[in-house]
């Protein structure tokens, strides 16, 4: 099974991927690590500021890694914000049965109520060197953008509206996966 975990910045994508790694033992690929490796090695002239261009660049590589994992019947978790919303067009209907996509989005109310806590937990899994860009206005705008695009492209998402509880999010993801597998077996 391939899991694609995406979402707005600071929504807990990496934390969820880490929990899934621990629970299932599936390897996970951090798109942020891939991005920085390609940038720092000089394999691309793109910079961290080139978000849309990075999505296209990274996805051209990652979709082939996913295809290879599917062909080899390997499990993989891919985590990061560089997964395009039209990702499904790159896979066959048979492949799509083995890919589970989830986008994490925080509601406006949650962000406004919990912004200091969200910032406090920004480095729970990975150390953020510079987090100054992540303001309340940025968080609100980015989460609204992700919600709009998920709805536009009919992508499944989890809207985080209450206290962020990684274990509950993980349980929701597992439940959705179980429901999906059960519906395919009918």
C-alpha atoms as a PDB file:
ATOM      1  CA  UNK A   1       0.000   0.000   0.000  1.00  0.00           C
ATOM      2  CA  UNK A   2       1.141   3.509  -0.810  1.00  0.00           C
ATOM      3  CA  UNK A   3       0.138   6.304   1.542  1.00  0.00           C
ATOM      4  CA  UNK A   4       0.316   9.905   0.354  1.00  0.00           C
ATOM      5  CA  UNK A   5       0.170  12.381   3.233  1.00  0.00           C
ATOM      6  CA  UNK A   6      -0.028  16.032   2.339  1.00  0.00           C
ATOM      7  CA  UNK A   7      -1.468  19.230   3.695  1.00  0.00           C
ATOM      8  CA  UNK A   8      -0.748  22.745   4.720  1.00  0.00           C
ATOM      9  CA  UNK A   9       2.372  23.655   6.666  1.00  0.00           C
ATOM     10  CA  UNK A  10       2.423  22.681  10.371  1.00  0.00           C
ATOM     11  CA  UNK A  11      -0.576  20.311  10.144  1.00  0.00           C
ATOM     12  CA  UNK A  12       1.346  17.279  11.400  1.00  0.00           C
ATOM     13  CA  UNK A  13       2.191  15.463   8.165  1.00  0.00           C
ATOM     14  CA  UNK A  14       5.606  14.325   9.374  1.00  0.00           C
ATOM     15  CA  UNK A  15       4.266  13.328  12.777  1.00  0.00           C
ATOM     16  CA  UNK A  16       1.549  11.219  11.143  1.00  0.00           C
ATOM     17  CA  UNK A  17       4.096   9.592   8.813  1.00  0.00           C
ATOM     18  CA  UNK A  18       6.307   8.801  11.802  1.00  0.00           C
ATOM     19  CA  UNK A  19       3.377   7.185  13.655  1.00  0.00           C
ATOM     20  CA  UNK A  20       2.542   5.112  10.566  1.00  0.00           C
ATOM     21  CA  UNK A  21       6.176   4.039  10.265  1.00  0.00           C
ATOM     22  CA  UNK A  22       6.127   2.910  13.872  1.00  0.00           C
ATOM     23  CA  UNK A  23       2.759   1.133  13.541  1.00  0.00           C
ATOM     24  CA  UNK A  24       3.151  -0.535  10.133  1.00  0.00           C
ATOM     25  CA  UNK A  25       6.906  -0.601   9.656  1.00  0.00           C
ATOM     26  CA  UNK A  26       6.490   0.983   6.204  1.00  0.00           C
ATOM     27  CA  UNK A  27       9.353   3.201   5.075  1.00  0.00           C
ATOM     28  CA  UNK A  28       8.520   6.831   4.516  1.00  0.00           C
ATOM     29  CA  UNK A  29       9.877   9.393   2.140  1.00  0.00           C
ATOM     30  CA  UNK A  30       9.943  12.989   3.314  1.00  0.00           C
ATOM     31  CA  UNK A  31       9.562  15.310   0.347  1.00  0.00           C
ATOM     32  CA  UNK A  32      11.252  18.053   2.379  1.00  0.00           C
ATOM     33  CA  UNK A  33      14.359  15.874   2.752  1.00  0.00           C
ATOM     34  CA  UNK A  34      14.330  15.048  -0.959  1.00  0.00           C
ATOM     35  CA  UNK A  35      13.875  18.741  -1.795  1.00  0.00           C
ATOM     36  CA  UNK A  36      16.786  19.840   0.380  1.00  0.00           C
ATOM     37  CA  UNK A  37      19.012  17.049  -0.908  1.00  0.00           C
ATOM     38  CA  UNK A  38      18.412  18.089  -4.508  1.00  0.00           C
ATOM     39  CA  UNK A  39      18.867  21.790  -3.743  1.00  0.00           C
ATOM     40  CA  UNK A  40      21.986  21.410  -1.605  1.00  0.00           C
ATOM     41  CA  UNK A  41      23.604  18.968  -4.031  1.00  0.00           C
ATOM     42  CA  UNK A  42      23.153  21.387  -6.909  1.00  0.00           C
ATOM     43  CA  UNK A  43      20.935  18.964  -8.822  1.00  0.00           C
ATOM     44  CA  UNK A  44      18.473  21.829  -9.302  1.00  0.00           C
ATOM     45  CA  UNK A  45      18.660  25.600  -9.468  1.00  0.00           C
ATOM     46  CA  UNK A  46      15.311  25.831  -7.690  1.00  0.00           C
ATOM     47  CA  UNK A  47      15.214  27.231  -4.160  1.00  0.00           C
ATOM     48  CA  UNK A  48      12.884  26.702  -1.211  1.00  0.00           C
ATOM     49  CA  UNK A  49      11.017  29.821  -2.365  1.00  0.00           C
ATOM     50  CA  UNK A  50      10.003  28.106  -5.645  1.00  0.00           C
ATOM     51  CA  UNK A  51       7.095  26.151  -4.159  1.00  0.00           C
ATOM     52  CA  UNK A  52       4.987  25.558  -7.296  1.00  0.00           C
ATOM     53  CA  UNK A  53       8.027  24.764  -9.436  1.00  0.00           C
ATOM     54  CA  UNK A  54       9.303  22.414  -6.726  1.00  0.00           C
ATOM     55  CA  UNK A  55       6.001  20.548  -6.737  1.00  0.00           C
ATOM     56  CA  UNK A  56       6.317  19.849 -10.466  1.00  0.00           C
ATOM     57  CA  UNK A  57      10.013  18.998 -10.190  1.00  0.00           C
ATOM     58  CA  UNK A  58       9.722  16.708  -7.171  1.00  0.00           C
ATOM     59  CA  UNK A  59       6.515  15.030  -8.351  1.00  0.00           C
ATOM     60  CA  UNK A  60       8.146  14.029 -11.652  1.00  0.00           C
ATOM     61  CA  UNK A  61      10.595  11.975  -9.551  1.00  0.00           C
ATOM     62  CA  UNK A  62       8.295  10.837  -6.743  1.00  0.00           C
ATOM     63  CA  UNK A  63       5.530   9.509  -9.001  1.00  0.00           C
ATOM     64  CA  UNK A  64       8.092   7.201 -10.632  1.00  0.00           C
ATOM     65  CA  UNK A  65       9.276   6.031  -7.212  1.00  0.00           C
ATOM     66  CA  UNK A  66       5.648   5.282  -6.324  1.00  0.00           C
ATOM     67  CA  UNK A  67       5.153   3.443  -9.613  1.00  0.00           C
ATOM     68  CA  UNK A  68       8.232   1.345  -8.916  1.00  0.00           C
ATOM     69  CA  UNK A  69       6.991   0.536  -5.403  1.00  0.00           C
ATOM     70  CA  UNK A  70       3.611  -0.480  -6.843  1.00  0.00           C
ATOM     71  CA  UNK A  71       5.226  -2.702  -9.478  1.00  0.00           C
ATOM     72  CA  UNK A  72       7.283  -4.388  -6.772  1.00  0.00           C
ATOM     73  CA  UNK A  73       4.333  -4.632  -4.377  1.00  0.00           C
ATOM     74  CA  UNK A  74       6.204  -2.600  -1.799  1.00  0.00           C
ATOM     75  CA  UNK A  75       4.660  -0.409   0.875  1.00  0.00           C
ATOM     76  CA  UNK A  76       5.641   3.237   1.095  1.00  0.00           C
ATOM     77  CA  UNK A  77       4.565   6.401   2.892  1.00  0.00           C
ATOM     78  CA  UNK A  78       5.200   9.635   0.990  1.00  0.00           C
ATOM     79  CA  UNK A  79       4.857  12.757   3.119  1.00  0.00           C
ATOM     80  CA  UNK A  80       5.037  16.413   2.216  1.00  0.00           C
ATOM     81  CA  UNK A  81       3.317  19.385   0.729  1.00  0.00           C
ATOM     82  CA  UNK A  82       4.704  18.804  -2.777  1.00  0.00           C
ATOM     83  CA  UNK A  83       2.017  16.342  -3.917  1.00  0.00           C
ATOM     84  CA  UNK A  84      -0.107  17.933  -6.649  1.00  0.00           C
ATOM     85  CA  UNK A  85      -3.875  17.888  -6.250  1.00  0.00           C
ATOM     86  CA  UNK A  86      -4.280  16.190  -9.638  1.00  0.00           C
ATOM     87  CA  UNK A  87      -1.923  13.351  -8.641  1.00  0.00           C
ATOM     88  CA  UNK A  88      -4.470  10.678  -9.591  1.00  0.00           C
ATOM     89  CA  UNK A  89      -4.028  11.357 -13.310  1.00  0.00           C
ATOM     90  CA  UNK A  90      -0.551   9.817 -13.121  1.00  0.00           C
ATOM     91  CA  UNK A  91      -1.768   6.339 -12.144  1.00  0.00           C
ATOM     92  CA  UNK A  92      -3.986   3.646 -13.605  1.00  0.00           C
ATOM     93  CA  UNK A  93      -7.281   2.677 -11.976  1.00  0.00           C
ATOM     94  CA  UNK A  94      -5.596  -0.525 -10.770  1.00  0.00           C
ATOM     95  CA  UNK A  95      -2.754   1.464  -9.196  1.00  0.00           C
ATOM     96  CA  UNK A  96      -5.203   3.856  -7.535  1.00  0.00           C
ATOM     97  CA  UNK A  97      -6.705   0.943  -5.590  1.00  0.00           C
ATOM     98  CA  UNK A  98      -3.335   0.637  -3.830  1.00  0.00           C
ATOM     99  CA  UNK A  99      -2.823   4.313  -3.057  1.00  0.00           C
ATOM    100  CA  UNK A 100      -4.341   5.991  -0.021  1.00  0.00           C
ATOM    101  CA  UNK A 101      -4.263   9.806  -0.102  1.00  0.00           C
ATOM    102  CA  UNK A 102      -4.969  12.080   2.824  1.00  0.00           C
ATOM    103  CA  UNK A 103      -4.641  15.830   3.132  1.00  0.00           C
ATOM    104  CA  UNK A 104      -4.438  17.399   6.599  1.00  0.00           C
ATOM    105  CA  UNK A 105      -6.099  20.802   6.937  1.00  0.00           C
ATOM    106  CA  UNK A 106      -6.746  22.930  10.014  1.00  0.00           C
ATOM    107  CA  UNK A 107      -9.980  24.911  10.305  1.00  0.00           C
ATOM    108  CA  UNK A 108      -9.850  28.689  10.719  1.00  0.00           C
ATOM    109  CA  UNK A 109     -11.350  28.394  14.176  1.00  0.00           C
ATOM    110  CA  UNK A 110      -8.749  25.874  15.278  1.00  0.00           C
ATOM    111  CA  UNK A 111      -5.874  27.969  13.937  1.00  0.00           C
ATOM    112  CA  UNK A 112      -7.128  31.140  15.620  1.00  0.00           C
ATOM    113  CA  UNK A 113      -7.692  29.360  18.929  1.00  0.00           C
ATOM    114  CA  UNK A 114      -4.499  27.296  18.933  1.00  0.00           C
ATOM    115  CA  UNK A 115      -1.899  29.225  16.947  1.00  0.00           C
ATOM    116  CA  UNK A 116       0.676  29.467  19.800  1.00  0.00           C
ATOM    117  CA  UNK A 117       0.348  25.726  20.408  1.00  0.00           C
ATOM    118  CA  UNK A 118       0.707  24.956  16.689  1.00  0.00           C
ATOM    119  CA  UNK A 119       3.925  27.002  16.594  1.00  0.00           C
ATOM    120  CA  UNK A 120       5.151  25.352  19.795  1.00  0.00           C
ATOM    121  CA  UNK A 121       4.913  21.888  18.243  1.00  0.00           C
ATOM    122  CA  UNK A 122       6.515  22.859  14.921  1.00  0.00           C
ATOM    123  CA  UNK A 123       9.722  21.002  15.782  1.00  0.00           C
ATOM    124  CA  UNK A 124       8.273  17.851  17.357  1.00  0.00           C
ATOM    125  CA  UNK A 125       9.717  15.607  14.622  1.00  0.00           C
ATOM    126  CA  UNK A 126      11.997  17.794  12.543  1.00  0.00           C
ATOM    127  CA  UNK A 127      13.932  20.892  13.528  1.00  0.00           C
ATOM    128  CA  UNK A 128      12.790  23.909  11.564  1.00  0.00           C
ATOM    129  CA  UNK A 129      15.722  26.220  10.996  1.00  0.00           C
ATOM    130  CA  UNK A 130      13.578  29.249  10.141  1.00  0.00           C
ATOM    131  CA  UNK A 131       9.908  29.302  11.049  1.00  0.00           C
ATOM    132  CA  UNK A 132       9.390  33.061  10.861  1.00  0.00           C
ATOM    133  CA  UNK A 133       7.267  32.781   7.692  1.00  0.00           C
ATOM    134  CA  UNK A 134       4.606  30.851   9.619  1.00  0.00           C
ATOM    135  CA  UNK A 135       2.344  33.632  10.873  1.00  0.00           C
ATOM    136  CA  UNK A 136      -1.315  33.463  11.798  1.00  0.00           C
ATOM    137  CA  UNK A 137      -2.279  35.053   8.477  1.00  0.00           C
ATOM    138  CA  UNK A 138      -0.070  32.624   6.551  1.00  0.00           C
ATOM    139  CA  UNK A 139      -1.563  29.628   8.371  1.00  0.00           C
ATOM    140  CA  UNK A 140      -5.123  30.776   7.707  1.00  0.00           C
ATOM    141  CA  UNK A 141      -4.475  31.483   4.028  1.00  0.00           C
ATOM    142  CA  UNK A 142      -2.579  28.249   3.363  1.00  0.00           C
ATOM    143  CA  UNK A 143      -5.163  26.043   5.067  1.00  0.00           C
ATOM    144  CA  UNK A 144      -7.988  27.773   3.183  1.00  0.00           C
ATOM    145  CA  UNK A 145      -6.079  27.222  -0.062  1.00  0.00           C
ATOM    146  CA  UNK A 146      -5.618  23.504   0.673  1.00  0.00           C
ATOM    147  CA  UNK A 147      -9.288  23.094   1.576  1.00  0.00           C
ATOM    148  CA  UNK A 148     -10.401  24.859  -1.616  1.00  0.00           C
ATOM    149  CA  UNK A 149      -8.074  22.756  -3.791  1.00  0.00           C
ATOM    150  CA  UNK A 150      -9.068  19.482  -2.115  1.00  0.00           C
ATOM    151  CA  UNK A 151     -12.701  20.311  -2.787  1.00  0.00           C
ATOM    152  CA  UNK A 152     -11.960  21.418  -6.362  1.00  0.00           C
ATOM    153  CA  UNK A 153     -10.023  18.230  -7.175  1.00  0.00           C
ATOM    154  CA  UNK A 154     -12.233  15.943  -5.068  1.00  0.00           C
ATOM    155  CA  UNK A 155      -9.324  14.894  -2.866  1.00  0.00           C
ATOM    156  CA  UNK A 156     -10.023  13.363   0.538  1.00  0.00           C
ATOM    157  CA  UNK A 157      -8.995  15.445   3.517  1.00  0.00           C
ATOM    158  CA  UNK A 158      -9.177  15.512   7.287  1.00  0.00           C
ATOM    159  CA  UNK A 159     -10.322  18.835   8.669  1.00  0.00           C
ATOM    160  CA  UNK A 160      -8.665  19.338  12.046  1.00  0.00           C
ATOM    161  CA  UNK A 161     -11.113  21.317  14.163  1.00  0.00           C
ATOM    162  CA  UNK A 162     -10.247  20.464  17.758  1.00  0.00           C
ATOM    163  CA  UNK A 163      -7.133  19.938  19.807  1.00  0.00           C
ATOM    164  CA  UNK A 164      -4.492  18.305  17.670  1.00  0.00           C
ATOM    165  CA  UNK A 165      -4.269  14.699  18.787  1.00  0.00           C
ATOM    166  CA  UNK A 166      -1.946  12.697  16.539  1.00  0.00           C
ATOM    167  CA  UNK A 167      -3.220   9.369  17.847  1.00  0.00           C
ATOM    168  CA  UNK A 168      -6.813  10.273  16.926  1.00  0.00           C
ATOM    169  CA  UNK A 169      -5.753  11.439  13.468  1.00  0.00           C
ATOM    170  CA  UNK A 170      -3.867   8.194  12.991  1.00  0.00           C
ATOM    171  CA  UNK A 171      -6.975   6.240  14.054  1.00  0.00           C
ATOM    172  CA  UNK A 172      -9.113   8.206  11.558  1.00  0.00           C
ATOM    173  CA  UNK A 173      -6.648   7.427   8.774  1.00  0.00           C
ATOM    174  CA  UNK A 174      -6.620   3.726   9.730  1.00  0.00           C
ATOM    175  CA  UNK A 175     -10.435   3.674   9.842  1.00  0.00           C
ATOM    176  CA  UNK A 176     -10.713   5.272   6.401  1.00  0.00           C
ATOM    177  CA  UNK A 177      -8.224   2.749   5.050  1.00  0.00           C
ATOM    178  CA  UNK A 178     -10.189  -0.153   6.550  1.00  0.00           C
ATOM    179  CA  UNK A 179     -13.436   1.216   5.068  1.00  0.00           C
ATOM    180  CA  UNK A 180     -11.784   1.604   1.676  1.00  0.00           C
ATOM    181  CA  UNK A 181     -10.409  -1.938   1.731  1.00  0.00           C
ATOM    182  CA  UNK A 182     -13.780  -3.353   2.814  1.00  0.00           C
ATOM    183  CA  UNK A 183     -15.633  -1.544   0.018  1.00  0.00           C
ATOM    184  CA  UNK A 184     -13.184  -2.908  -2.568  1.00  0.00           C
ATOM    185  CA  UNK A 185     -13.725  -6.467  -1.344  1.00  0.00           C
ATOM    186  CA  UNK A 186     -17.469  -6.379  -1.909  1.00  0.00           C
END
